[in-house]
Protein backbone atom coordinates (compact mmCIF):
# COMPACT_ATOMS: atom_id res chain seq x y z
CA MET A 1 -0.62 -1.40 -29.17
CA GLU A 2 -0.92 -5.13 -28.59
CA GLN A 3 1.40 -6.61 -26.24
CA LYS A 4 4.29 -9.05 -28.11
CA THR A 5 3.11 -12.42 -26.76
CA SER A 6 6.19 -14.65 -27.94
CA ILE A 7 10.07 -14.57 -27.81
CA SER A 8 12.66 -16.24 -30.04
CA SER A 9 15.43 -17.93 -29.33
CA ALA A 10 17.95 -15.53 -29.83
CA GLU A 11 15.76 -12.81 -27.88
CA LEU A 12 15.70 -14.97 -24.80
CA LYS A 13 19.65 -16.16 -25.28
CA LYS A 14 20.14 -12.05 -24.96
CA LEU A 15 17.18 -11.56 -22.41
CA LEU A 16 18.99 -14.09 -20.50
CA ALA A 17 22.67 -12.49 -20.48
CA GLU A 18 21.04 -8.69 -19.51
CA ASN A 19 18.33 -9.95 -17.00
CA ASN A 20 18.61 -12.55 -13.76
CA ASN A 21 15.12 -11.64 -13.24
CA VAL A 22 13.89 -14.52 -15.84
CA ARG A 23 11.99 -17.44 -14.90
CA ILE A 24 11.40 -20.27 -17.35
CA LEU A 25 8.31 -22.67 -16.75
CA ASP A 26 8.25 -25.23 -18.98
CA VAL A 27 4.95 -26.56 -18.56
CA ARG A 28 5.21 -30.23 -20.07
CA THR A 29 4.91 -33.70 -18.31
CA GLU A 30 7.82 -34.71 -16.34
CA ALA A 31 8.72 -37.22 -17.87
CA GLU A 32 9.13 -34.71 -20.85
CA PHE A 33 11.07 -32.28 -18.77
CA ASN A 34 13.42 -35.20 -17.97
CA GLU A 35 14.44 -35.83 -21.49
CA LEU A 36 15.25 -32.20 -22.41
CA HIS A 37 14.90 -28.75 -21.14
CA LEU A 38 16.16 -25.52 -21.47
CA PRO A 39 18.97 -24.48 -18.78
CA ARG A 40 17.10 -22.92 -15.48
CA ALA A 41 13.72 -24.18 -16.63
CA ILE A 42 11.63 -25.55 -13.68
CA ASN A 43 9.24 -28.15 -14.22
CA ILE A 44 5.43 -26.54 -13.78
CA THR A 45 2.87 -28.54 -15.57
CA GLU A 46 -0.39 -27.03 -17.23
CA ASP A 47 -2.40 -28.09 -14.67
CA LYS A 48 -1.10 -26.44 -11.64
CA ILE A 49 0.08 -23.17 -14.07
CA GLU A 50 -2.55 -21.11 -12.14
CA PHE A 51 -1.25 -21.68 -8.84
CA PHE A 52 2.08 -20.87 -9.43
CA GLU A 53 3.40 -17.89 -7.77
CA ILE A 54 4.86 -15.13 -9.94
CA PHE A 55 6.91 -12.60 -7.93
CA LYS A 56 6.30 -8.96 -8.87
CA ASP A 57 9.05 -7.82 -11.38
CA GLU A 58 9.80 -11.21 -12.75
CA ILE A 59 9.50 -11.75 -16.27
CA ILE A 60 7.88 -14.94 -17.40
CA ILE A 61 8.74 -16.91 -20.26
CA THR A 62 6.89 -20.78 -21.06
CA THR A 63 7.89 -23.06 -22.93
CA CYS A 64 6.89 -26.56 -24.21
CA GLY A 65 8.13 -29.19 -26.58
CA LYS A 66 7.19 -27.03 -29.98
CA GLY A 67 6.21 -23.77 -28.90
CA GLY A 68 2.86 -21.97 -29.28
CA GLY A 69 0.46 -24.66 -28.13
CA ARG A 70 0.48 -25.69 -24.47
CA SER A 71 2.82 -22.69 -23.69
CA GLU A 72 0.90 -20.34 -25.34
CA LYS A 73 -2.03 -21.15 -23.11
CA ALA A 74 -0.10 -20.92 -20.20
CA ALA A 75 1.39 -18.02 -20.87
CA LYS A 76 -2.18 -16.85 -21.34
CA LEU A 77 -3.06 -17.65 -18.09
CA ILE A 78 -0.48 -16.00 -16.22
CA ARG A 79 -0.89 -12.63 -18.34
CA ASN A 80 -4.52 -12.77 -17.27
CA LYS A 81 -3.28 -12.72 -13.43
CA THR A 82 -0.54 -10.30 -13.67
CA LYS A 83 1.23 -7.33 -14.66
CA ASN A 84 4.42 -9.43 -15.44
CA LYS A 85 5.75 -9.38 -18.77
CA VAL A 86 5.10 -12.82 -20.14
CA TYR A 87 6.22 -14.91 -23.06
CA PHE A 88 6.28 -18.14 -24.60
CA LEU A 89 9.06 -19.25 -26.56
CA GLU A 90 8.63 -19.58 -30.34
CA ASN A 91 9.13 -23.05 -31.64
CA GLY A 92 9.95 -24.59 -27.54
CA THR A 93 12.46 -26.32 -26.22
CA PHE A 94 13.09 -28.63 -29.28
CA GLY A 95 13.87 -25.25 -31.45
CA TRP A 96 16.02 -23.61 -28.69
CA TYR A 97 18.28 -27.00 -29.38
CA SER A 98 17.88 -27.26 -32.75
CA LYS A 99 20.17 -24.08 -33.68
């Protein structure tokens, strides 16, 4: 069975409410991040994602502006180097705030 690679805003909100071991990585530029970002998100640009330290039992969520471009690529990079659950946020940061 293929692993689910994305997560919806509703699923992420539920996950955040139930689990303290979720790390949200916003892979946009610092300027984009400073304009708008998810609660608890940290900014780590795409070019630095492969060097970012992932802790053993963390659930990793990547996000970008619209979801699926930069965040999907970053999630795949992380998934290839760790056994953690890793998802990209569907519809990204803008989708999180549009509902």
